[in-house]
Amino acid sequence: EYQPGRAGPTRAGLTALGHASEAHDDADFRAHLLGGI
């Protein structure tokens, strides 16, 4: 189920988004990825 996450000091991230290929065309999803990177 969706749940809050936390980031550790190892600067690794994980997103639960992106399962569907259509998400990659979404501007909000791309902004989410850019923010994580």
Full PDB file with SEQRES, HELIX, SHEET, SSBOND, CRYST1, ORIGX, SCALE, CONECT and MASTER records, all heavy atoms in Angstrom:
SEQRES   1 A   37  GLU TYR GLN PRO GLY ARG ALA GLY PRO THR ARG ALA GLY          
SEQRES   2 A   37  LEU THR ALA LEU GLY HIS ALA SER GLU ALA HIS ASP ASP          
SEQRES   3 A   37  ALA ASP PHE ARG ALA HIS LEU LEU GLY GLY ILE                  
HELIX    1 AA1 SER A   21  ASP A   25  5                                   5    
HELIX    2 AA2 ALA A   27  GLY A   36  1                                  10    
CRYST1    1.000    1.000    1.000  90.00  90.00  90.00 P 1           1          
ORIGX1      1.000000  0.000000  0.000000        0.00000                         
ORIGX2      0.000000  1.000000  0.000000        0.00000                         
ORIGX3      0.000000  0.000000  1.000000        0.00000                         
SCALE1      1.000000  0.000000  0.000000        0.00000                         
SCALE2      0.000000  1.000000  0.000000        0.00000                         
SCALE3      0.000000  0.000000  1.000000        0.00000                         
ATOM      1  N   GLU A   1       0.862  -1.178   0.000  1.00  0.00           N  
ATOM      2  CA  GLU A   1       0.000   0.000   0.000  1.00  0.00           C  
ATOM      3  C   GLU A   1       0.904   1.235   0.000  1.00  0.00           C  
ATOM      4  O   GLU A   1       2.051   1.182   0.437  1.00  0.00           O  
ATOM      5  CB  GLU A   1      -0.887   0.008   1.251  1.00  0.00           C  
ATOM      6  CG  GLU A   1      -1.852  -1.156   1.328  1.00  0.00           C  
ATOM      7  CD  GLU A   1      -2.872  -1.123   0.199  1.00  0.00           C  
ATOM      8  OE1 GLU A   1      -3.335  -0.026  -0.154  1.00  0.00           O  
ATOM      9  OE2 GLU A   1      -3.196  -2.197  -0.325  1.00  0.00           O  
ATOM     10  N   TYR A   2       0.387   2.360  -0.499  1.00  0.00           N  
ATOM     11  CA  TYR A   2       1.160   3.603  -0.440  1.00  0.00           C  
ATOM     12  C   TYR A   2       1.466   3.934   1.011  1.00  0.00           C  
ATOM     13  O   TYR A   2       0.636   3.741   1.898  1.00  0.00           O  
ATOM     14  CB  TYR A   2       0.380   4.757  -1.080  1.00  0.00           C  
ATOM     15  CG  TYR A   2       0.336   4.655  -2.573  1.00  0.00           C  
ATOM     16  CD1 TYR A   2      -0.860   4.395  -3.221  1.00  0.00           C  
ATOM     17  CD2 TYR A   2       1.486   4.813  -3.328  1.00  0.00           C  
ATOM     18  CE1 TYR A   2      -0.914   4.303  -4.601  1.00  0.00           C  
ATOM     19  CE2 TYR A   2       1.451   4.712  -4.701  1.00  0.00           C  
ATOM     20  CZ  TYR A   2       0.246   4.460  -5.338  1.00  0.00           C  
ATOM     21  OH  TYR A   2       0.199   4.362  -6.687  1.00  0.00           O  
ATOM     22  N   GLN A   3       2.679   4.430   1.247  1.00  0.00           N  
ATOM     23  CA  GLN A   3       3.121   4.743   2.592  1.00  0.00           C  
ATOM     24  C   GLN A   3       4.206   5.801   2.542  1.00  0.00           C  
ATOM     25  O   GLN A   3       4.866   5.967   1.519  1.00  0.00           O  
ATOM     26  CB  GLN A   3       3.645   3.482   3.264  1.00  0.00           C  
ATOM     27  CG  GLN A   3       4.746   2.798   2.461  1.00  0.00           C  
ATOM     28  CD  GLN A   3       5.065   1.426   2.983  1.00  0.00           C  
ATOM     29  OE1 GLN A   3       5.232   1.255   4.175  1.00  0.00           O  
ATOM     30  NE2 GLN A   3       5.142   0.443   2.105  1.00  0.00           N  
ATOM     31  N   PRO A   4       4.378   6.537   3.632  1.00  0.00           N  
ATOM     32  CA  PRO A   4       5.445   7.542   3.640  1.00  0.00           C  
ATOM     33  C   PRO A   4       6.804   6.855   3.628  1.00  0.00           C  
ATOM     34  O   PRO A   4       6.950   5.720   4.077  1.00  0.00           O  
ATOM     35  CB  PRO A   4       5.220   8.309   4.944  1.00  0.00           C  
ATOM     36  CG  PRO A   4       4.317   7.460   5.775  1.00  0.00           C  
ATOM     37  CD  PRO A   4       3.606   6.514   4.851  1.00  0.00           C  
ATOM     38  N   GLY A   5       7.775   7.523   3.090  1.00  0.00           N  
ATOM     39  CA  GLY A   5       9.124   6.980   3.044  1.00  0.00           C  
ATOM     40  C   GLY A   5      10.100   7.930   3.691  1.00  0.00           C  
ATOM     41  O   GLY A   5       9.738   9.009   4.155  1.00  0.00           O  
ATOM     42  N   ARG A   6      11.331   7.524   3.738  1.00  0.00           N  
ATOM     43  CA  ARG A   6      12.383   8.392   4.267  1.00  0.00           C  
ATOM     44  C   ARG A   6      13.638   8.170   3.450  1.00  0.00           C  
ATOM     45  O   ARG A   6      13.829   7.094   2.879  1.00  0.00           O  
ATOM     46  CB  ARG A   6      12.640   8.122   5.735  1.00  0.00           C  
ATOM     47  CG  ARG A   6      13.205   6.736   6.022  1.00  0.00           C  
ATOM     48  CD  ARG A   6      13.493   6.560   7.512  1.00  0.00           C  
ATOM     49  NE  ARG A   6      14.024   5.251   7.765  1.00  0.00           N  
ATOM     50  CZ  ARG A   6      15.289   4.869   7.564  1.00  0.00           C  
ATOM     51  NH1 ARG A   6      16.157   5.740   7.127  1.00  0.00           N  
ATOM     52  NH2 ARG A   6      15.688   3.644   7.800  1.00  0.00           N  
ATOM     53  N   ALA A   7      14.456   9.166   3.383  1.00  0.00           N  
ATOM     54  CA  ALA A   7      15.711   9.074   2.636  1.00  0.00           C  
ATOM     55  C   ALA A   7      16.857   8.891   3.609  1.00  0.00           C  
ATOM     56  O   ALA A   7      16.937   9.576   4.626  1.00  0.00           O  
ATOM     57  CB  ALA A   7      15.928  10.333   1.811  1.00  0.00           C  
ATOM     58  N   GLY A   8      17.735   7.940   3.300  1.00  0.00           N  
ATOM     59  CA  GLY A   8      18.887   7.713   4.151  1.00  0.00           C  
ATOM     60  C   GLY A   8      20.068   8.568   3.720  1.00  0.00           C  
ATOM     61  O   GLY A   8      20.018   9.253   2.697  1.00  0.00           O  
ATOM     62  N   PRO A   9      21.217   8.471   4.452  1.00  0.00           N  
ATOM     63  CA  PRO A   9      22.403   9.261   4.107  1.00  0.00           C  
ATOM     64  C   PRO A   9      23.137   8.749   2.880  1.00  0.00           C  
ATOM     65  O   PRO A   9      23.999   9.431   2.356  1.00  0.00           O  
ATOM     66  CB  PRO A   9      23.286   9.121   5.353  1.00  0.00           C  
ATOM     67  CG  PRO A   9      22.837   7.846   5.990  1.00  0.00           C  
ATOM     68  CD  PRO A   9      21.373   7.727   5.674  1.00  0.00           C  
ATOM     69  N   THR A  10      22.744   7.450   2.332  1.00  0.00           N  
ATOM     70  CA  THR A  10      23.443   6.876   1.179  1.00  0.00           C  
ATOM     71  C   THR A  10      23.082   7.516  -0.133  1.00  0.00           C  
ATOM     72  O   THR A  10      23.671   7.240  -1.163  1.00  0.00           O  
ATOM     73  CB  THR A  10      23.115   5.375   1.080  1.00  0.00           C  
ATOM     74  OG1 THR A  10      21.741   5.186   0.873  1.00  0.00           O  
ATOM     75  CG2 THR A  10      23.504   4.598   2.289  1.00  0.00           C  
ATOM     76  N   ARG A  11      22.101   8.663  -0.187  1.00  0.00           N  
ATOM     77  CA  ARG A  11      21.612   9.417  -1.346  1.00  0.00           C  
ATOM     78  C   ARG A  11      21.088   8.479  -2.420  1.00  0.00           C  
ATOM     79  O   ARG A  11      21.257   8.702  -3.594  1.00  0.00           O  
ATOM     80  CB  ARG A  11      22.674  10.353  -1.919  1.00  0.00           C  
ATOM     81  CG  ARG A  11      22.957  11.570  -1.091  1.00  0.00           C  
ATOM     82  CD  ARG A  11      21.862  12.597  -1.267  1.00  0.00           C  
ATOM     83  NE  ARG A  11      22.111  13.698  -0.348  1.00  0.00           N  
ATOM     84  CZ  ARG A  11      21.622  14.895  -0.502  1.00  0.00           C  
ATOM     85  NH1 ARG A  11      20.865  15.185  -1.526  1.00  0.00           N  
ATOM     86  NH2 ARG A  11      21.854  15.822   0.376  1.00  0.00           N  
ATOM     87  N   ALA A  12      20.445   7.407  -1.982  1.00  0.00           N  
ATOM     88  CA  ALA A  12      19.744   6.529  -2.918  1.00  0.00           C  
ATOM     89  C   ALA A  12      18.256   6.777  -2.763  1.00  0.00           C  
ATOM     90  O   ALA A  12      17.779   7.041  -1.673  1.00  0.00           O  
ATOM     91  CB  ALA A  12      20.058   5.069  -2.595  1.00  0.00           C  
ATOM     92  N   GLY A  13      17.522   6.723  -3.858  1.00  0.00           N  
ATOM     93  CA  GLY A  13      16.097   6.966  -3.781  1.00  0.00           C  
ATOM     94  C   GLY A  13      15.321   5.870  -4.479  1.00  0.00           C  
ATOM     95  O   GLY A  13      15.869   5.104  -5.273  1.00  0.00           O  
ATOM     96  N   LEU A  14      14.056   5.812  -4.175  1.00  0.00           N  
ATOM     97  CA  LEU A  14      13.175   4.825  -4.776  1.00  0.00           C  
ATOM     98  C   LEU A  14      11.824   5.475  -4.968  1.00  0.00           C  
ATOM     99  O   LEU A  14      11.342   6.195  -4.103  1.00  0.00           O  
ATOM    100  CB  LEU A  14      13.040   3.615  -3.852  1.00  0.00           C  
ATOM    101  CG  LEU A  14      12.058   2.534  -4.266  1.00  0.00           C  
ATOM    102  CD1 LEU A  14      12.518   1.846  -5.539  1.00  0.00           C  
ATOM    103  CD2 LEU A  14      11.899   1.523  -3.156  1.00  0.00           C  
ATOM    104  N   THR A  15      11.234   5.279  -6.102  1.00  0.00           N  
ATOM    105  CA  THR A  15       9.889   5.772  -6.342  1.00  0.00           C  
ATOM    106  C   THR A  15       8.977   4.602  -6.651  1.00  0.00           C  
ATOM    107  O   THR A  15       9.396   3.632  -7.276  1.00  0.00           O  
ATOM    108  CB  THR A  15       9.841   6.800  -7.493  1.00  0.00           C  
ATOM    109  OG1 THR A  15       8.508   7.275  -7.639  1.00  0.00           O  
ATOM    110  CG2 THR A  15      10.308   6.221  -8.811  1.00  0.00           C  
ATOM    111  N   ALA A  16       7.766   4.702  -6.170  1.00  0.00           N  
ATOM    112  CA  ALA A  16       6.775   3.685  -6.494  1.00  0.00           C  
ATOM    113  C   ALA A  16       6.073   4.025  -7.801  1.00  0.00           C  
ATOM    114  O   ALA A  16       5.281   3.246  -8.301  1.00  0.00           O  
ATOM    115  CB  ALA A  16       5.753   3.571  -5.365  1.00  0.00           C  
ATOM    116  N   LEU A  17       6.369   5.198  -8.338  1.00  0.00           N  
ATOM    117  CA  LEU A  17       5.729   5.638  -9.573  1.00  0.00           C  
ATOM    118  C   LEU A  17       6.508   5.112 -10.775  1.00  0.00           C  
ATOM    119  O   LEU A  17       7.642   4.678 -10.657  1.00  0.00           O  
ATOM    120  CB  LEU A  17       5.665   7.158  -9.609  1.00  0.00           C  
ATOM    121  CG  LEU A  17       4.933   7.798  -8.428  1.00  0.00           C  
ATOM    122  CD1 LEU A  17       5.033   9.308  -8.499  1.00  0.00           C  
ATOM    123  CD2 LEU A  17       3.483   7.353  -8.386  1.00  0.00           C  
ATOM    124  N   GLY A  18       5.914   5.168 -11.940  1.00  0.00           N  
ATOM    125  CA  GLY A  18       6.590   4.758 -13.156  1.00  0.00           C  
ATOM    126  C   GLY A  18       6.288   3.348 -13.593  1.00  0.00           C  
ATOM    127  O   GLY A  18       6.907   2.837 -14.517  1.00  0.00           O  
ATOM    128  N   HIS A  19       5.347   2.709 -12.923  1.00  0.00           N  
ATOM    129  CA  HIS A  19       5.008   1.332 -13.276  1.00  0.00           C  
ATOM    130  C   HIS A  19       4.427   1.258 -14.687  1.00  0.00           C  
ATOM    131  O   HIS A  19       4.779   0.378 -15.465  1.00  0.00           O  
ATOM    132  CB  HIS A  19       4.021   0.777 -12.248  1.00  0.00           C  
ATOM    133  CG  HIS A  19       3.707  -0.667 -12.426  1.00  0.00           C  
ATOM    134  ND1 HIS A  19       4.654  -1.651 -12.297  1.00  0.00           N  
ATOM    135  CD2 HIS A  19       2.558  -1.299 -12.728  1.00  0.00           C  
ATOM    136  CE1 HIS A  19       4.094  -2.831 -12.505  1.00  0.00           C  
ATOM    137  NE2 HIS A  19       2.821  -2.643 -12.770  1.00  0.00           N  
ATOM    138  N   ALA A  20       3.567   2.194 -15.006  1.00  0.00           N  
ATOM    139  CA  ALA A  20       2.963   2.226 -16.339  1.00  0.00           C  
ATOM    140  C   ALA A  20       3.796   3.117 -17.254  1.00  0.00           C  
ATOM    141  O   ALA A  20       4.215   4.200 -16.861  1.00  0.00           O  
ATOM    142  CB  ALA A  20       1.527   2.763 -16.255  1.00  0.00           C  
ATOM    143  N   SER A  21       4.038   2.668 -18.457  1.00  0.00           N  
ATOM    144  CA  SER A  21       4.861   3.449 -19.388  1.00  0.00           C  
ATOM    145  C   SER A  21       4.240   4.806 -19.706  1.00  0.00           C  
ATOM    146  O   SER A  21       4.949   5.755 -20.017  1.00  0.00           O  
ATOM    147  CB  SER A  21       5.123   2.659 -20.670  1.00  0.00           C  
ATOM    148  OG  SER A  21       3.900   2.358 -21.321  1.00  0.00           O  
ATOM    149  N   GLU A  22       2.917   4.910 -19.591  1.00  0.00           N  
ATOM    150  CA  GLU A  22       2.256   6.196 -19.854  1.00  0.00           C  
ATOM    151  C   GLU A  22       2.698   7.269 -18.871  1.00  0.00           C  
ATOM    152  O   GLU A  22       2.656   8.461 -19.190  1.00  0.00           O  
ATOM    153  CB  GLU A  22       0.721   6.041 -19.768  1.00  0.00           C  
ATOM    154  CG  GLU A  22       0.125   5.145 -20.825  1.00  0.00           C  
ATOM    155  CD  GLU A  22       0.199   3.661 -20.464  1.00  0.00           C  
ATOM    156  OE1 GLU A  22       0.526   3.318 -19.307  1.00  0.00           O  
ATOM    157  OE2 GLU A  22      -0.050   2.842 -21.367  1.00  0.00           O  
ATOM    158  N   ALA A  23       3.143   6.872 -17.693  1.00  0.00           N  
ATOM    159  CA  ALA A  23       3.593   7.846 -16.691  1.00  0.00           C  
ATOM    160  C   ALA A  23       4.772   8.654 -17.200  1.00  0.00           C  
ATOM    161  O   ALA A  23       4.948   9.810 -16.830  1.00  0.00           O  
ATOM    162  CB  ALA A  23       3.966   7.127 -15.394  1.00  0.00           C  
ATOM    163  N   HIS A  24       5.567   8.074 -18.067  1.00  0.00           N  
ATOM    164  CA  HIS A  24       6.767   8.749 -18.550  1.00  0.00           C  
ATOM    165  C   HIS A  24       6.445   9.923 -19.462  1.00  0.00           C  
ATOM    166  O   HIS A  24       7.303  10.749 -19.736  1.00  0.00           O  
ATOM    167  CB  HIS A  24       7.681   7.740 -19.239  1.00  0.00           C  
ATOM    168  CG  HIS A  24       8.151   6.680 -18.288  1.00  0.00           C  
ATOM    169  ND1 HIS A  24       9.471   6.410 -18.069  1.00  0.00           N  
ATOM    170  CD2 HIS A  24       7.462   5.833 -17.477  1.00  0.00           C  
ATOM    171  CE1 HIS A  24       9.587   5.443 -17.175  1.00  0.00           C  
ATOM    172  NE2 HIS A  24       8.376   5.082 -16.807  1.00  0.00           N  
ATOM    173  N   ASP A  25       5.216  10.009 -19.928  1.00  0.00           N  
ATOM    174  CA  ASP A  25       4.782  11.152 -20.738  1.00  0.00           C  
ATOM    175  C   ASP A  25       4.203  12.271 -19.883  1.00  0.00           C  
ATOM    176  O   ASP A  25       3.898  13.344 -20.393  1.00  0.00           O  
ATOM    177  CB  ASP A  25       3.714  10.718 -21.755  1.00  0.00           C  
ATOM    178  CG  ASP A  25       4.278   9.786 -22.811  1.00  0.00           C  
ATOM    179  OD1 ASP A  25       5.475   9.928 -23.146  1.00  0.00           O  
ATOM    180  OD2 ASP A  25       3.529   8.916 -23.283  1.00  0.00           O  
ATOM    181  N   ASP A  26       4.066  12.032 -18.586  1.00  0.00           N  
ATOM    182  CA  ASP A  26       3.434  12.991 -17.687  1.00  0.00           C  
ATOM    183  C   ASP A  26       4.467  13.990 -17.155  1.00  0.00           C  
ATOM    184  O   ASP A  26       5.511  13.594 -16.620  1.00  0.00           O  
ATOM    185  CB  ASP A  26       2.787  12.234 -16.525  1.00  0.00           C  
ATOM    186  CG  ASP A  26       2.065  13.162 -15.587  1.00  0.00           C  
ATOM    187  OD1 ASP A  26       0.930  13.554 -15.912  1.00  0.00           O  
ATOM    188  OD2 ASP A  26       2.648  13.506 -14.539  1.00  0.00           O  
ATOM    189  N   ALA A  27       4.172  15.286 -17.305  1.00  0.00           N  
ATOM    190  CA  ALA A  27       5.107  16.337 -16.873  1.00  0.00           C  
ATOM    191  C   ALA A  27       5.370  16.269 -15.372  1.00  0.00           C  
ATOM    192  O   ALA A  27       6.512  16.495 -14.926  1.00  0.00           O  
ATOM    193  CB  ALA A  27       4.560  17.704 -17.260  1.00  0.00           C  
ATOM    194  N   ASP A  28       4.355  15.961 -14.571  1.00  0.00           N  
ATOM    195  CA  ASP A  28       4.561  15.865 -13.124  1.00  0.00           C  
ATOM    196  C   ASP A  28       5.484  14.704 -12.775  1.00  0.00           C  
ATOM    197  O   ASP A  28       6.328  14.812 -11.887  1.00  0.00           O  
ATOM    198  CB  ASP A  28       3.221  15.705 -12.394  1.00  0.00           C  
ATOM    199  CG  ASP A  28       2.389  16.965 -12.420  1.00  0.00           C  
ATOM    200  OD1 ASP A  28       2.969  18.071 -12.511  1.00  0.00           O  
ATOM    201  OD2 ASP A  28       1.153  16.848 -12.349  1.00  0.00           O  
ATOM    202  N   PHE A  29       5.343  13.591 -13.474  1.00  0.00           N  
ATOM    203  CA  PHE A  29       6.224  12.447 -13.219  1.00  0.00           C  
ATOM    204  C   PHE A  29       7.660  12.782 -13.605  1.00  0.00           C  
ATOM    205  O   PHE A  29       8.596  12.475 -12.869  1.00  0.00           O  
ATOM    206  CB  PHE A  29       5.735  11.213 -13.979  1.00  0.00           C  
ATOM    207  CG  PHE A  29       6.645  10.026 -13.788  1.00  0.00           C  
ATOM    208  CD1 PHE A  29       6.731   9.397 -12.562  1.00  0.00           C  
ATOM    209  CD2 PHE A  29       7.422   9.552 -14.829  1.00  0.00           C  
ATOM    210  CE1 PHE A  29       7.566   8.313 -12.366  1.00  0.00           C  
ATOM    211  CE2 PHE A  29       8.261   8.454 -14.653  1.00  0.00           C  
ATOM    212  CZ  PHE A  29       8.329   7.843 -13.414  1.00  0.00           C  
ATOM    213  N   ARG A  30       7.841  13.432 -14.735  1.00  0.00           N  
ATOM    214  CA  ARG A  30       9.203  13.825 -15.145  1.00  0.00           C  
ATOM    215  C   ARG A  30       9.802  14.801 -14.146  1.00  0.00           C  
ATOM    216  O   ARG A  30      10.988  14.722 -13.838  1.00  0.00           O  
ATOM    217  CB  ARG A  30       9.180  14.385 -16.557  1.00  0.00           C  
ATOM    218  CG  ARG A  30       8.889  13.309 -17.609  1.00  0.00           C  
ATOM    219  CD  ARG A  30       9.191  13.778 -19.024  1.00  0.00           C  
ATOM    220  NE  ARG A  30       8.587  15.053 -19.357  1.00  0.00           N  
ATOM    221  CZ  ARG A  30       7.404  15.209 -19.930  1.00  0.00           C  
ATOM    222  NH1 ARG A  30       6.678  14.136 -20.230  1.00  0.00           N  
ATOM    223  NH2 ARG A  30       6.940  16.403 -20.208  1.00  0.00           N  
ATOM    224  N   ALA A  31       9.004  15.707 -13.607  1.00  0.00           N  
ATOM    225  CA  ALA A  31       9.495  16.635 -12.582  1.00  0.00           C  
ATOM    226  C   ALA A  31       9.876  15.870 -11.311  1.00  0.00           C  
ATOM    227  O   ALA A  31      10.870  16.193 -10.653  1.00  0.00           O  
ATOM    228  CB  ALA A  31       8.436  17.690 -12.280  1.00  0.00           C  
ATOM    229  N   HIS A  32       9.089  14.851 -10.975  1.00  0.00           N  
ATOM    230  CA  HIS A  32       9.386  13.987  -9.830  1.00  0.00           C  
ATOM    231  C   HIS A  32      10.751  13.317 -10.021  1.00  0.00           C  
ATOM    232  O   HIS A  32      11.590  13.313  -9.122  1.00  0.00           O  
ATOM    233  CB  HIS A  32       8.262  12.953  -9.717  1.00  0.00           C  
ATOM    234  CG  HIS A  32       8.494  11.866  -8.735  1.00  0.00           C  
ATOM    235  ND1 HIS A  32       8.491  12.060  -7.375  1.00  0.00           N  
ATOM    236  CD2 HIS A  32       8.715  10.539  -8.928  1.00  0.00           C  
ATOM    237  CE1 HIS A  32       8.706  10.906  -6.768  1.00  0.00           C  
ATOM    238  NE2 HIS A  32       8.838   9.971  -7.695  1.00  0.00           N  
ATOM    239  N   LEU A  33      10.987  12.771 -11.203  1.00  0.00           N  
ATOM    240  CA  LEU A  33      12.278  12.128 -11.489  1.00  0.00           C  
ATOM    241  C   LEU A  33      13.424  13.127 -11.442  1.00  0.00           C  
ATOM    242  O   LEU A  33      14.478  12.854 -10.865  1.00  0.00           O  
ATOM    243  CB  LEU A  33      12.244  11.454 -12.859  1.00  0.00           C  
ATOM    244  CG  LEU A  33      11.369  10.227 -12.999  1.00  0.00           C  
ATOM    245  CD1 LEU A  33      11.479   9.676 -14.409  1.00  0.00           C  
ATOM    246  CD2 LEU A  33      11.747   9.170 -11.986  1.00  0.00           C  
ATOM    247  N   LEU A  34      13.230  14.279 -12.065  1.00  0.00           N  
ATOM    248  CA  LEU A  34      14.283  15.296 -12.066  1.00  0.00           C  
ATOM    249  C   LEU A  34      14.610  15.733 -10.642  1.00  0.00           C  
ATOM    250  O   LEU A  34      15.780  15.908 -10.295  1.00  0.00           O  
ATOM    251  CB  LEU A  34      13.879  16.495 -12.920  1.00  0.00           C  
ATOM    252  CG  LEU A  34      14.907  17.616 -12.994  1.00  0.00           C  
ATOM    253  CD1 LEU A  34      16.233  17.118 -13.560  1.00  0.00           C  
ATOM    254  CD2 LEU A  34      14.361  18.771 -13.823  1.00  0.00           C  
ATOM    255  N   GLY A  35      13.591  15.888  -9.820  1.00  0.00           N  
ATOM    256  CA  GLY A  35      13.830  16.248  -8.421  1.00  0.00           C  
ATOM    257  C   GLY A  35      14.651  15.196  -7.700  1.00  0.00           C  
ATOM    258  O   GLY A  35      15.580  15.515  -6.961  1.00  0.00           O  
ATOM    259  N   GLY A  36      14.330  13.925  -7.925  1.00  0.00           N  
ATOM    260  CA  GLY A  36      15.080  12.851  -7.288  1.00  0.00           C  
ATOM    261  C   GLY A  36      16.518  12.778  -7.773  1.00  0.00           C  
ATOM    262  O   GLY A  36      17.446  12.586  -6.988  1.00  0.00           O  
ATOM    263  N   ILE A  37      16.705  12.931  -9.055  1.00  0.00           N  
ATOM    264  CA  ILE A  37      18.069  12.909  -9.615  1.00  0.00           C  
ATOM    265  C   ILE A  37      18.869  14.102  -9.105  1.00  0.00           C  
ATOM    266  O   ILE A  37      20.041  13.965  -8.718  1.00  0.00           O  
ATOM    267  CB  ILE A  37      18.011  12.893 -11.158  1.00  0.00           C  
ATOM    268  CG1 ILE A  37      17.437  11.555 -11.631  1.00  0.00           C  
ATOM    269  CG2 ILE A  37      19.382  13.156 -11.758  1.00  0.00           C  
ATOM    270  CD1 ILE A  37      17.043  11.541 -13.095  1.00  0.00           C  
TER     271      ILE A  37                                                      
MASTER        0    0    0    2    0    0    0    6  270    1    0    3          
END                                                                             
